[in-house]
Amino acid sequence: MIVDLRIYTCQPNRMAEFVKLYETMAWPLQKKYLGRCLGWYTTVEGPLNRVVHLWAYDSQADREQRRSAMAADPAFQAYLAKAAELGVLQEMQNRILAPAPFYKAHLESEQK
């Protein structure tokens, strides 16, 4: 398993606008194509105007296949165009995380 950690920084005072756009246009598509959302959060302390979400995949190949299928959907392209048009995002980051060996063993024992 790998986890895709995504961090989006919104323009000041525009996070609610981004969250609403995401909820209506992207969330249904990401649930359909990506499947396993581990969490979707907004910051309340520390660096503000940030949206953080985490997605689990079986492997990097699984991630690439799922994200490619989503990217090919015209509805997702419409979402990206609308987000660009609104100009609500300042920065987007992602990190691919792998479980530590002890946690991987924990996950495997839970599956038994």
PDB file of N, CA and C in Angstrom:
ATOM      1  N   MET A   1       0.841  -1.184   0.000  1.00  0.00           N
ATOM      2  CA  MET A   1       0.000   0.000   0.000  1.00  0.00           C
ATOM      3  C   MET A   1       0.881   1.240   0.000  1.00  0.00           C
ATOM      4  N   ILE A   2       0.421   2.264  -0.713  1.00  0.00           N
ATOM      5  CA  ILE A   2       1.025   3.586  -0.636  1.00  0.00           C
ATOM      6  C   ILE A   2      -0.083   4.594  -0.358  1.00  0.00           C
ATOM      7  N   VAL A   3       0.316   5.768   0.128  1.00  0.00           N
ATOM      8  CA  VAL A   3      -0.637   6.840   0.394  1.00  0.00           C
ATOM      9  C   VAL A   3      -0.170   8.079  -0.362  1.00  0.00           C
ATOM     10  N   ASP A   4      -1.085   8.698  -1.066  1.00  0.00           N
ATOM     11  CA  ASP A   4      -0.833   9.962  -1.761  1.00  0.00           C
ATOM     12  C   ASP A   4      -1.337  11.074  -0.844  1.00  0.00           C
ATOM     13  N   LEU A   5      -0.405  11.838  -0.295  1.00  0.00           N
ATOM     14  CA  LEU A   5      -0.719  12.976   0.571  1.00  0.00           C
ATOM     15  C   LEU A   5      -0.733  14.215  -0.305  1.00  0.00           C
ATOM     16  N   ARG A   6      -1.882  14.908  -0.350  1.00  0.00           N
ATOM     17  CA  ARG A   6      -2.024  16.089  -1.195  1.00  0.00           C
ATOM     18  C   ARG A   6      -2.297  17.301  -0.313  1.00  0.00           C
ATOM     19  N   ILE A   7      -1.556  18.370  -0.553  1.00  0.00           N
ATOM     20  CA  ILE A   7      -1.695  19.599   0.229  1.00  0.00           C
ATOM     21  C   ILE A   7      -1.899  20.755  -0.757  1.00  0.00           C
ATOM     22  N   TYR A   8      -3.037  21.400  -0.644  1.00  0.00           N
ATOM     23  CA  TYR A   8      -3.362  22.542  -1.501  1.00  0.00           C
ATOM     24  C   TYR A   8      -3.417  23.789  -0.639  1.00  0.00           C
ATOM     25  N   THR A   9      -2.719  24.827  -1.064  1.00  0.00           N
ATOM     26  CA  THR A   9      -2.764  26.110  -0.374  1.00  0.00           C
ATOM     27  C   THR A   9      -3.661  27.035  -1.183  1.00  0.00           C
ATOM     28  N   CYS A  10      -4.694  27.545  -0.524  1.00  0.00           N
ATOM     29  CA  CYS A  10      -5.657  28.434  -1.182  1.00  0.00           C
ATOM     30  C   CYS A  10      -5.240  29.892  -1.014  1.00  0.00           C
ATOM     31  N   GLN A  11      -5.726  30.712  -1.899  1.00  0.00           N
ATOM     32  CA  GLN A  11      -5.558  32.151  -1.741  1.00  0.00           C
ATOM     33  C   GLN A  11      -6.210  32.550  -0.420  1.00  0.00           C
ATOM     34  N   PRO A  12      -5.653  33.534   0.289  1.00  0.00           N
ATOM     35  CA  PRO A  12      -6.258  33.956   1.558  1.00  0.00           C
ATOM     36  C   PRO A  12      -7.746  34.275   1.398  1.00  0.00           C
ATOM     37  N   ASN A  13      -8.519  33.799   2.354  1.00  0.00           N
ATOM     38  CA  ASN A  13      -9.966  34.020   2.416  1.00  0.00           C
ATOM     39  C   ASN A  13     -10.742  33.382   1.264  1.00  0.00           C
ATOM     40  N   ARG A  14     -10.146  32.392   0.572  1.00  0.00           N
ATOM     41  CA  ARG A  14     -10.841  31.747  -0.544  1.00  0.00           C
ATOM     42  C   ARG A  14     -10.945  30.236  -0.372  1.00  0.00           C
ATOM     43  N   MET A  15     -10.559  29.746   0.805  1.00  0.00           N
ATOM     44  CA  MET A  15     -10.603  28.303   1.020  1.00  0.00           C
ATOM     45  C   MET A  15     -12.031  27.763   0.930  1.00  0.00           C
ATOM     46  N   ALA A  16     -12.990  28.457   1.508  1.00  0.00           N
ATOM     47  CA  ALA A  16     -14.377  27.988   1.465  1.00  0.00           C
ATOM     48  C   ALA A  16     -14.869  27.867   0.021  1.00  0.00           C
ATOM     49  N   GLU A  17     -14.457  28.785  -0.810  1.00  0.00           N
ATOM     50  CA  GLU A  17     -14.831  28.759  -2.229  1.00  0.00           C
ATOM     51  C   GLU A  17     -14.238  27.519  -2.913  1.00  0.00           C
ATOM     52  N   PHE A  18     -12.974  27.218  -2.616  1.00  0.00           N
ATOM     53  CA  PHE A  18     -12.348  26.031  -3.182  1.00  0.00           C
ATOM     54  C   PHE A  18     -13.022  24.758  -2.677  1.00  0.00           C
ATOM     55  N   VAL A  19     -13.280  24.687  -1.372  1.00  0.00           N
ATOM     56  CA  VAL A  19     -13.906  23.497  -0.796  1.00  0.00           C
ATOM     57  C   VAL A  19     -15.264  23.245  -1.451  1.00  0.00           C
ATOM     58  N   LYS A  20     -16.041  24.287  -1.652  1.00  0.00           N
ATOM     59  CA  LYS A  20     -17.360  24.141  -2.280  1.00  0.00           C
ATOM     60  C   LYS A  20     -17.228  23.643  -3.722  1.00  0.00           C
ATOM     61  N   LEU A  21     -16.297  24.229  -4.469  1.00  0.00           N
ATOM     62  CA  LEU A  21     -16.061  23.780  -5.842  1.00  0.00           C
ATOM     63  C   LEU A  21     -15.644  22.311  -5.854  1.00  0.00           C
ATOM     64  N   TYR A  22     -14.721  21.945  -4.984  1.00  0.00           N
ATOM     65  CA  TYR A  22     -14.257  20.567  -4.909  1.00  0.00           C
ATOM     66  C   TYR A  22     -15.415  19.630  -4.564  1.00  0.00           C
ATOM     67  N   GLU A  23     -16.186  20.020  -3.550  1.00  0.00           N
ATOM     68  CA  GLU A  23     -17.293  19.164  -3.107  1.00  0.00           C
ATOM     69  C   GLU A  23     -18.278  18.879  -4.237  1.00  0.00           C
ATOM     70  N   THR A  24     -18.591  19.890  -5.017  1.00  0.00           N
ATOM     71  CA  THR A  24     -19.609  19.713  -6.054  1.00  0.00           C
ATOM     72  C   THR A  24     -19.073  19.088  -7.336  1.00  0.00           C
ATOM     73  N   MET A  25     -17.829  19.401  -7.704  1.00  0.00           N
ATOM     74  CA  MET A  25     -17.327  18.936  -9.002  1.00  0.00           C
ATOM     75  C   MET A  25     -16.314  17.804  -8.917  1.00  0.00           C
ATOM     76  N   ALA A  26     -15.413  17.837  -7.943  1.00  0.00           N
ATOM     77  CA  ALA A  26     -14.319  16.858  -7.919  1.00  0.00           C
ATOM     78  C   ALA A  26     -14.586  15.663  -7.009  1.00  0.00           C
ATOM     79  N   TRP A  27     -15.206  15.904  -5.843  1.00  0.00           N
ATOM     80  CA  TRP A  27     -15.420  14.822  -4.875  1.00  0.00           C
ATOM     81  C   TRP A  27     -16.140  13.622  -5.487  1.00  0.00           C
ATOM     82  N   PRO A  28     -17.243  13.814  -6.209  1.00  0.00           N
ATOM     83  CA  PRO A  28     -17.919  12.641  -6.788  1.00  0.00           C
ATOM     84  C   PRO A  28     -17.008  11.861  -7.753  1.00  0.00           C
ATOM     85  N   LEU A  29     -16.197  12.577  -8.519  1.00  0.00           N
ATOM     86  CA  LEU A  29     -15.302  11.913  -9.468  1.00  0.00           C
ATOM     87  C   LEU A  29     -14.162  11.202  -8.760  1.00  0.00           C
ATOM     88  N   GLN A  30     -13.615  11.830  -7.740  1.00  0.00           N
ATOM     89  CA  GLN A  30     -12.513  11.195  -7.039  1.00  0.00           C
ATOM     90  C   GLN A  30     -12.988   9.966  -6.269  1.00  0.00           C
ATOM     91  N   LYS A  31     -14.175  10.011  -5.710  1.00  0.00           N
ATOM     92  CA  LYS A  31     -14.715   8.805  -5.062  1.00  0.00           C
ATOM     93  C   LYS A  31     -14.887   7.689  -6.091  1.00  0.00           C
ATOM     94  N   LYS A  32     -15.352   8.047  -7.269  1.00  0.00           N
ATOM     95  CA  LYS A  32     -15.586   7.055  -8.330  1.00  0.00           C
ATOM     96  C   LYS A  32     -14.281   6.427  -8.813  1.00  0.00           C
ATOM     97  N   TYR A  33     -13.273   7.255  -9.092  1.00  0.00           N
ATOM     98  CA  TYR A  33     -12.045   6.756  -9.702  1.00  0.00           C
ATOM     99  C   TYR A  33     -10.964   6.365  -8.703  1.00  0.00           C
ATOM    100  N   LEU A  34     -10.792   7.146  -7.659  1.00  0.00           N
ATOM    101  CA  LEU A  34      -9.672   6.901  -6.742  1.00  0.00           C
ATOM    102  C   LEU A  34     -10.033   5.949  -5.624  1.00  0.00           C
ATOM    103  N   GLY A  35     -11.267   6.020  -5.179  1.00  0.00           N
ATOM    104  CA  GLY A  35     -11.772   5.017  -4.255  1.00  0.00           C
ATOM    105  C   GLY A  35     -11.529   5.206  -2.780  1.00  0.00           C
ATOM    106  N   ARG A  36     -10.302   5.096  -2.325  1.00  0.00           N
ATOM    107  CA  ARG A  36     -10.045   5.009  -0.888  1.00  0.00           C
ATOM    108  C   ARG A  36      -9.487   6.312  -0.313  1.00  0.00           C
ATOM    109  N   CYS A  37     -10.370   7.215   0.009  1.00  0.00           N
ATOM    110  CA  CYS A  37      -9.960   8.451   0.671  1.00  0.00           C
ATOM    111  C   CYS A  37      -9.786   8.149   2.160  1.00  0.00           C
ATOM    112  N   LEU A  38      -8.584   8.421   2.675  1.00  0.00           N
ATOM    113  CA  LEU A  38      -8.306   8.177   4.088  1.00  0.00           C
ATOM    114  C   LEU A  38      -8.655   9.385   4.949  1.00  0.00           C
ATOM    115  N   GLY A  39      -8.812  10.530   4.324  1.00  0.00           N
ATOM    116  CA  GLY A  39      -9.167  11.735   5.062  1.00  0.00           C
ATOM    117  C   GLY A  39      -9.103  12.962   4.174  1.00  0.00           C
ATOM    118  N   TRP A  40      -9.929  13.931   4.501  1.00  0.00           N
ATOM    119  CA  TRP A  40      -9.997  15.189   3.744  1.00  0.00           C
ATOM    120  C   TRP A  40     -10.196  16.290   4.779  1.00  0.00           C
ATOM    121  N   TYR A  41      -9.221  17.176   4.908  1.00  0.00           N
ATOM    122  CA  TYR A  41      -9.197  18.128   6.020  1.00  0.00           C
ATOM    123  C   TYR A  41      -8.881  19.543   5.568  1.00  0.00           C
ATOM    124  N   THR A  42      -9.277  20.504   6.399  1.00  0.00           N
ATOM    125  CA  THR A  42      -8.863  21.892   6.231  1.00  0.00           C
ATOM    126  C   THR A  42      -8.149  22.312   7.512  1.00  0.00           C
ATOM    127  N   THR A  43      -7.156  23.174   7.376  1.00  0.00           N
ATOM    128  CA  THR A  43      -6.391  23.590   8.549  1.00  0.00           C
ATOM    129  C   THR A  43      -7.178  24.586   9.388  1.00  0.00           C
ATOM    130  N   VAL A  44      -7.004  24.466  10.713  1.00  0.00           N
ATOM    131  CA  VAL A  44      -7.627  25.406  11.647  1.00  0.00           C
ATOM    132  C   VAL A  44      -6.573  26.099  12.501  1.00  0.00           C
ATOM    133  N   GLU A  45      -5.374  25.523  12.556  1.00  0.00           N
ATOM    134  CA  GLU A  45      -4.236  26.136  13.247  1.00  0.00           C
ATOM    135  C   GLU A  45      -2.992  25.873  12.426  1.00  0.00           C
ATOM    136  N   GLY A  46      -1.944  26.627  12.697  1.00  0.00           N
ATOM    137  CA  GLY A  46      -0.715  26.497  11.916  1.00  0.00           C
ATOM    138  C   GLY A  46      -0.880  27.248  10.612  1.00  0.00           C
ATOM    139  N   PRO A  47      -0.163  26.826   9.578  1.00  0.00           N
ATOM    140  CA  PRO A  47      -0.332  27.496   8.277  1.00  0.00           C
ATOM    141  C   PRO A  47      -1.791  27.376   7.819  1.00  0.00           C
ATOM    142  N   LEU A  48      -2.414  28.503   7.587  1.00  0.00           N
ATOM    143  CA  LEU A  48      -3.839  28.516   7.246  1.00  0.00           C
ATOM    144  C   LEU A  48      -4.059  28.402   5.741  1.00  0.00           C
ATOM    145  N   ASN A  49      -5.327  28.329   5.379  1.00  0.00           N
ATOM    146  CA  ASN A  49      -5.745  28.273   3.974  1.00  0.00           C
ATOM    147  C   ASN A  49      -5.248  27.004   3.279  1.00  0.00           C
ATOM    148  N   ARG A  50      -5.124  25.925   4.040  1.00  0.00           N
ATOM    149  CA  ARG A  50      -4.634  24.679   3.459  1.00  0.00           C
ATOM    150  C   ARG A  50      -5.703  23.596   3.509  1.00  0.00           C
ATOM    151  N   VAL A  51      -5.729  22.830   2.449  1.00  0.00           N
ATOM    152  CA  VAL A  51      -6.580  21.648   2.336  1.00  0.00           C
ATOM    153  C   VAL A  51      -5.635  20.458   2.226  1.00  0.00           C
ATOM    154  N   VAL A  52      -5.897  19.426   3.013  1.00  0.00           N
ATOM    155  CA  VAL A  52      -5.046  18.229   3.014  1.00  0.00           C
ATOM    156  C   VAL A  52      -5.949  17.022   2.810  1.00  0.00           C
ATOM    157  N   HIS A  53      -5.587  16.182   1.851  1.00  0.00           N
ATOM    158  CA  HIS A  53      -6.314  14.924   1.722  1.00  0.00           C
ATOM    159  C   HIS A  53      -5.345  13.795   1.417  1.00  0.00           C
ATOM    160  N   LEU A  54      -5.769  12.591   1.803  1.00  0.00           N
ATOM    161  CA  LEU A  54      -4.932  11.401   1.683  1.00  0.00           C
ATOM    162  C   LEU A  54      -5.719  10.305   0.963  1.00  0.00           C
ATOM    163  N   TRP A  55      -5.046   9.652   0.013  1.00  0.00           N
ATOM    164  CA  TRP A  55      -5.673   8.590  -0.773  1.00  0.00           C
ATOM    165  C   TRP A  55      -4.798   7.350  -0.721  1.00  0.00           C
ATOM    166  N   ALA A  56      -5.391   6.199  -0.461  1.00  0.00           N
ATOM    167  CA  ALA A  56      -4.655   4.934  -0.397  1.00  0.00           C
ATOM    168  C   ALA A  56      -4.762   4.201  -1.731  1.00  0.00           C
ATOM    169  N   TYR A  57      -3.644   3.598  -2.106  1.00  0.00           N
ATOM    170  CA  TYR A  57      -3.573   2.795  -3.333  1.00  0.00           C
ATOM    171  C   TYR A  57      -2.840   1.505  -3.025  1.00  0.00           C
ATOM    172  N   ASP A  58      -3.104   0.477  -3.805  1.00  0.00           N
ATOM    173  CA  ASP A  58      -2.415  -0.799  -3.630  1.00  0.00           C
ATOM    174  C   ASP A  58      -0.940  -0.680  -3.994  1.00  0.00           C
ATOM    175  N   SER A  59      -0.638   0.176  -4.993  1.00  0.00           N
ATOM    176  CA  SER A  59       0.732   0.330  -5.488  1.00  0.00           C
ATOM    177  C   SER A  59       0.805   1.615  -6.309  1.00  0.00           C
ATOM    178  N   GLN A  60       2.014   1.966  -6.728  1.00  0.00           N
ATOM    179  CA  GLN A  60       2.174   3.127  -7.605  1.00  0.00           C
ATOM    180  C   GLN A  60       1.466   2.880  -8.939  1.00  0.00           C
ATOM    181  N   ALA A  61       1.517   1.646  -9.429  1.00  0.00           N
ATOM    182  CA  ALA A  61       0.832   1.312 -10.687  1.00  0.00           C
ATOM    183  C   ALA A  61      -0.683   1.495 -10.536  1.00  0.00           C
ATOM    184  N   ASP A  62      -1.238   1.073  -9.400  1.00  0.00           N
ATOM    185  CA  ASP A  62      -2.662   1.265  -9.122  1.00  0.00           C
ATOM    186  C   ASP A  62      -3.004   2.756  -9.115  1.00  0.00           C
ATOM    187  N   ARG A  63      -2.172   3.560  -8.449  1.00  0.00           N
ATOM    188  CA  ARG A  63      -2.388   5.012  -8.401  1.00  0.00           C
ATOM    189  C   ARG A  63      -2.380   5.604  -9.805  1.00  0.00           C
ATOM    190  N   GLU A  64      -1.375   5.258 -10.585  1.00  0.00           N
ATOM    191  CA  GLU A  64      -1.256   5.815 -11.934  1.00  0.00           C
ATOM    192  C   GLU A  64      -2.458   5.439 -12.803  1.00  0.00           C
ATOM    193  N   GLN A  65      -2.916   4.194 -12.701  1.00  0.00           N
ATOM    194  CA  GLN A  65      -4.067   3.750 -13.498  1.00  0.00           C
ATOM    195  C   GLN A  65      -5.320   4.510 -13.096  1.00  0.00           C
ATOM    196  N   ARG A  66      -5.557   4.631 -11.804  1.00  0.00           N
ATOM    197  CA  ARG A  66      -6.763   5.310 -11.321  1.00  0.00           C
ATOM    198  C   ARG A  66      -6.743   6.800 -11.658  1.00  0.00           C
ATOM    199  N   ARG A  67      -5.603   7.443 -11.457  1.00  0.00           N
ATOM    200  CA  ARG A  67      -5.516   8.876 -11.731  1.00  0.00           C
ATOM    201  C   ARG A  67      -5.609   9.145 -13.235  1.00  0.00           C
ATOM    202  N   SER A  68      -5.055   8.269 -14.056  1.00  0.00           N
ATOM    203  CA  SER A  68      -5.157   8.433 -15.514  1.00  0.00           C
ATOM    204  C   SER A  68      -6.597   8.315 -15.976  1.00  0.00           C
ATOM    205  N   ALA A  69      -7.319   7.359 -15.418  1.00  0.00           N
ATOM    206  CA  ALA A  69      -8.735   7.202 -15.782  1.00  0.00           C
ATOM    207  C   ALA A  69      -9.525   8.441 -15.393  1.00  0.00           C
ATOM    208  N   MET A  70      -9.256   8.982 -14.207  1.00  0.00           N
ATOM    209  CA  MET A  70      -9.957  10.193 -13.769  1.00  0.00           C
ATOM    210  C   MET A  70      -9.600  11.377 -14.661  1.00  0.00           C
ATOM    211  N   ALA A  71      -8.327  11.523 -14.988  1.00  0.00           N
ATOM    212  CA  ALA A  71      -7.877  12.645 -15.817  1.00  0.00           C
ATOM    213  C   ALA A  71      -8.509  12.613 -17.204  1.00  0.00           C
ATOM    214  N   ALA A  72      -8.848  11.425 -17.693  1.00  0.00           N
ATOM    215  CA  ALA A  72      -9.459  11.287 -19.012  1.00  0.00           C
ATOM    216  C   ALA A  72     -10.946  11.639 -19.020  1.00  0.00           C
ATOM    217  N   ASP A  73     -11.543  11.754 -17.858  1.00  0.00           N
ATOM    218  CA  ASP A  73     -12.970  12.056 -17.765  1.00  0.00           C
ATOM    219  C   ASP A  73     -13.199  13.544 -18.053  1.00  0.00           C
ATOM    220  N   PRO A  74     -14.042  13.877 -19.032  1.00  0.00           N
ATOM    221  CA  PRO A  74     -14.305  15.284 -19.354  1.00  0.00           C
ATOM    222  C   PRO A  74     -14.827  16.091 -18.155  1.00  0.00           C
ATOM    223  N   ALA A  75     -15.532  15.441 -17.256  1.00  0.00           N
ATOM    224  CA  ALA A  75     -16.037  16.149 -16.077  1.00  0.00           C
ATOM    225  C   ALA A  75     -14.889  16.583 -15.168  1.00  0.00           C
ATOM    226  N   PHE A  76     -13.823  15.783 -15.094  1.00  0.00           N
ATOM    227  CA  PHE A  76     -12.675  16.185 -14.282  1.00  0.00           C
ATOM    228  C   PHE A  76     -11.922  17.325 -14.961  1.00  0.00           C
ATOM    229  N   GLN A  77     -11.837  17.280 -16.259  1.00  0.00           N
ATOM    230  CA  GLN A  77     -11.206  18.384 -16.995  1.00  0.00           C
ATOM    231  C   GLN A  77     -11.994  19.680 -16.793  1.00  0.00           C
ATOM    232  N   ALA A  78     -13.304  19.572 -16.724  1.00  0.00           N
ATOM    233  CA  ALA A  78     -14.147  20.752 -16.466  1.00  0.00           C
ATOM    234  C   ALA A  78     -13.877  21.308 -15.072  1.00  0.00           C
ATOM    235  N   TYR A  79     -13.696  20.425 -14.104  1.00  0.00           N
ATOM    236  CA  TYR A  79     -13.363  20.867 -12.747  1.00  0.00           C
ATOM    237  C   TYR A  79     -12.031  21.606 -12.732  1.00  0.00           C
ATOM    238  N   LEU A  80     -11.018  21.043 -13.384  1.00  0.00           N
ATOM    239  CA  LEU A  80      -9.712  21.695 -13.421  1.00  0.00           C
ATOM    240  C   LEU A  80      -9.789  23.067 -14.081  1.00  0.00           C
ATOM    241  N   ALA A  81     -10.563  23.168 -15.148  1.00  0.00           N
ATOM    242  CA  ALA A  81     -10.721  24.454 -15.835  1.00  0.00           C
ATOM    243  C   ALA A  81     -11.412  25.469 -14.932  1.00  0.00           C
ATOM    244  N   LYS A  82     -12.439  25.041 -14.216  1.00  0.00           N
ATOM    245  CA  LYS A  82     -13.163  25.939 -13.316  1.00  0.00           C
ATOM    246  C   LYS A  82     -12.258  26.396 -12.169  1.00  0.00           C
ATOM    247  N   ALA A  83     -11.476  25.492 -11.602  1.00  0.00           N
ATOM    248  CA  ALA A  83     -10.548  25.856 -10.532  1.00  0.00           C
ATOM    249  C   ALA A  83      -9.523  26.867 -11.034  1.00  0.00           C
ATOM    250  N   ALA A  84      -9.014  26.662 -12.245  1.00  0.00           N
ATOM    251  CA  ALA A  84      -8.055  27.607 -12.821  1.00  0.00           C
ATOM    252  C   ALA A  84      -8.712  28.961 -13.073  1.00  0.00           C
ATOM    253  N   GLU A  85      -9.930  28.934 -13.578  1.00  0.00           N
ATOM    254  CA  GLU A  85     -10.670  30.174 -13.854  1.00  0.00           C
ATOM    255  C   GLU A  85     -10.900  30.980 -12.573  1.00  0.00           C
ATOM    256  N   LEU A  86     -11.248  30.299 -11.496  1.00  0.00           N
ATOM    257  CA  LEU A  86     -11.492  30.986 -10.230  1.00  0.00           C
ATOM    258  C   LEU A  86     -10.204  31.507  -9.591  1.00  0.00           C
ATOM    259  N   GLY A  87      -9.090  30.860  -9.867  1.00  0.00           N
ATOM    260  CA  GLY A  87      -7.815  31.287  -9.301  1.00  0.00           C
ATOM    261  C   GLY A  87      -7.749  31.181  -7.786  1.00  0.00           C
ATOM    262  N   VAL A  88      -8.373  30.153  -7.232  1.00  0.00           N
ATOM    263  CA  VAL A  88      -8.426  30.016  -5.769  1.00  0.00           C
ATOM    264  C   VAL A  88      -7.194  29.347  -5.171  1.00  0.00           C
ATOM    265  N   LEU A  89      -6.385  28.676  -5.996  1.00  0.00           N
ATOM    266  CA  LEU A  89      -5.234  27.952  -5.463  1.00  0.00           C
ATOM    267  C   LEU A  89      -3.933  28.723  -5.676  1.00  0.00           C
ATOM    268  N   GLN A  90      -3.100  28.694  -4.645  1.00  0.00           N
ATOM    269  CA  GLN A  90      -1.761  29.279  -4.708  1.00  0.00           C
ATOM    270  C   GLN A  90      -0.714  28.230  -5.035  1.00  0.00           C
ATOM    271  N   GLU A  91      -0.866  27.059  -4.415  1.00  0.00           N
ATOM    272  CA  GLU A  91       0.143  26.014  -4.545  1.00  0.00           C
ATOM    273  C   GLU A  91      -0.488  24.643  -4.340  1.00  0.00           C
ATOM    274  N   MET A  92       0.039  23.657  -5.057  1.00  0.00           N
ATOM    275  CA  MET A  92      -0.391  22.276  -4.876  1.00  0.00           C
ATOM    276  C   MET A  92       0.852  21.421  -4.666  1.00  0.00           C
ATOM    277  N   GLN A  93       0.789  20.522  -3.678  1.00  0.00           N
ATOM    278  CA  GLN A  93       1.897  19.606  -3.395  1.00  0.00           C
ATOM    279  C   GLN A  93       1.334  18.200  -3.237  1.00  0.00           C
ATOM    280  N   ASN A  94       2.158  17.226  -3.559  1.00  0.00           N
ATOM    281  CA  ASN A  94       1.793  15.868  -3.174  1.00  0.00           C
ATOM    282  C   ASN A  94       3.047  15.095  -2.808  1.00  0.00           C
ATOM    283  N   ARG A  95       2.842  14.129  -1.955  1.00  0.00           N
ATOM    284  CA  ARG A  95       3.915  13.253  -1.500  1.00  0.00           C
ATOM    285  C   ARG A  95       3.381  11.820  -1.520  1.00  0.00           C
ATOM    286  N   ILE A  96       4.221  10.910  -1.933  1.00  0.00           N
ATOM    287  CA  ILE A  96       3.856   9.495  -1.900  1.00  0.00           C
ATOM    288  C   ILE A  96       4.503   8.897  -0.655  1.00  0.00           C
ATOM    289  N   LEU A  97       3.685   8.292   0.191  1.00  0.00           N
ATOM    290  CA  LEU A  97       4.131   7.730   1.462  1.00  0.00           C
ATOM    291  C   LEU A  97       3.972   6.213   1.447  1.00  0.00           C
ATOM    292  N   ALA A  98       4.917   5.537   2.067  1.00  0.00           N
ATOM    293  CA  ALA A  98       4.828   4.085   2.241  1.00  0.00           C
ATOM    294  C   ALA A  98       4.797   3.801   3.736  1.00  0.00           C
ATOM    295  N   PRO A  99       4.071   2.782   4.151  1.00  0.00           N
ATOM    296  CA  PRO A  99       4.010   2.480   5.583  1.00  0.00           C
ATOM    297  C   PRO A  99       5.364   2.005   6.114  1.00  0.00           C
ATOM    298  N   ALA A 100       5.663   2.396   7.349  1.00  0.00           N
ATOM    299  CA  ALA A 100       6.856   1.893   8.030  1.00  0.00           C
ATOM    300  C   ALA A 100       6.704   0.380   8.203  1.00  0.00           C
ATOM    301  N   PRO A 101       7.816  -0.349   8.256  1.00  0.00           N
ATOM    302  CA  PRO A 101       7.728  -1.819   8.344  1.00  0.00           C
ATOM    303  C   PRO A 101       6.823  -2.319   9.471  1.00  0.00           C
ATOM    304  N   PHE A 102       6.904  -1.727  10.667  1.00  0.00           N
ATOM    305  CA  PHE A 102       6.066  -2.210  11.766  1.00  0.00           C
ATOM    306  C   PHE A 102       4.591  -1.954  11.493  1.00  0.00           C
ATOM    307  N   TYR A 103       4.289  -0.845  10.800  1.00  0.00           N
ATOM    308  CA  TYR A 103       2.891  -0.553  10.513  1.00  0.00           C
ATOM    309  C   TYR A 103       2.384  -1.430   9.373  1.00  0.00           C
ATOM    310  N   LYS A 104       3.244  -1.712   8.425  1.00  0.00           N
ATOM    311  CA  LYS A 104       2.869  -2.631   7.341  1.00  0.00           C
ATOM    312  C   LYS A 104       2.508  -3.990   7.926  1.00  0.00           C
ATOM    313  N   ALA A 105       3.300  -4.463   8.893  1.00  0.00           N
ATOM    314  CA  ALA A 105       2.998  -5.734   9.562  1.00  0.00           C
ATOM    315  C   ALA A 105       1.664  -5.645  10.297  1.00  0.00           C
ATOM    316  N   HIS A 106       1.399  -4.511  10.908  1.00  0.00           N
ATOM    317  CA  HIS A 106       0.122  -4.294  11.595  1.00  0.00           C
ATOM    318  C   HIS A 106      -1.038  -4.387  10.602  1.00  0.00           C
ATOM    319  N   LEU A 107      -0.904  -3.718   9.457  1.00  0.00           N
ATOM    320  CA  LEU A 107      -1.956  -3.760   8.432  1.00  0.00           C
ATOM    321  C   LEU A 107      -2.202  -5.182   7.953  1.00  0.00           C
ATOM    322  N   GLU A 108      -1.118  -5.899   7.728  1.00  0.00           N
ATOM    323  CA  GLU A 108      -1.251  -7.285   7.246  1.00  0.00           C
ATOM    324  C   GLU A 108      -1.924  -8.172   8.289  1.00  0.00           C
ATOM    325  N   SER A 109      -1.627  -7.959   9.578  1.00  0.00           N
ATOM    326  CA  SER A 109      -2.256  -8.776  10.627  1.00  0.00           C
ATOM    327  C   SER A 109      -3.735  -8.451  10.749  1.00  0.00           C
ATOM    328  N   GLU A 110      -4.122  -7.221  10.469  1.00  0.00           N
ATOM    329  CA  GLU A 110      -5.552  -6.846  10.522  1.00  0.00           C
ATOM    330  C   GLU A 110      -6.347  -7.507   9.409  1.00  0.00           C
ATOM    331  N   GLN A 111      -5.702  -7.808   8.298  1.00  0.00           N
ATOM    332  CA  GLN A 111      -6.387  -8.398   7.153  1.00  0.00           C
ATOM    333  C   GLN A 111      -6.656  -9.877   7.355  1.00  0.00           C
ATOM    334  N   LYS A 112      -6.024 -10.482   8.347  1.00  0.00           N
ATOM    335  CA  LYS A 112      -6.218 -11.933   8.593  1.00  0.00           C
ATOM    336  C   LYS A 112      -7.457 -12.212   9.382  1.00  0.00           C
TER     337      LYS A 112
END
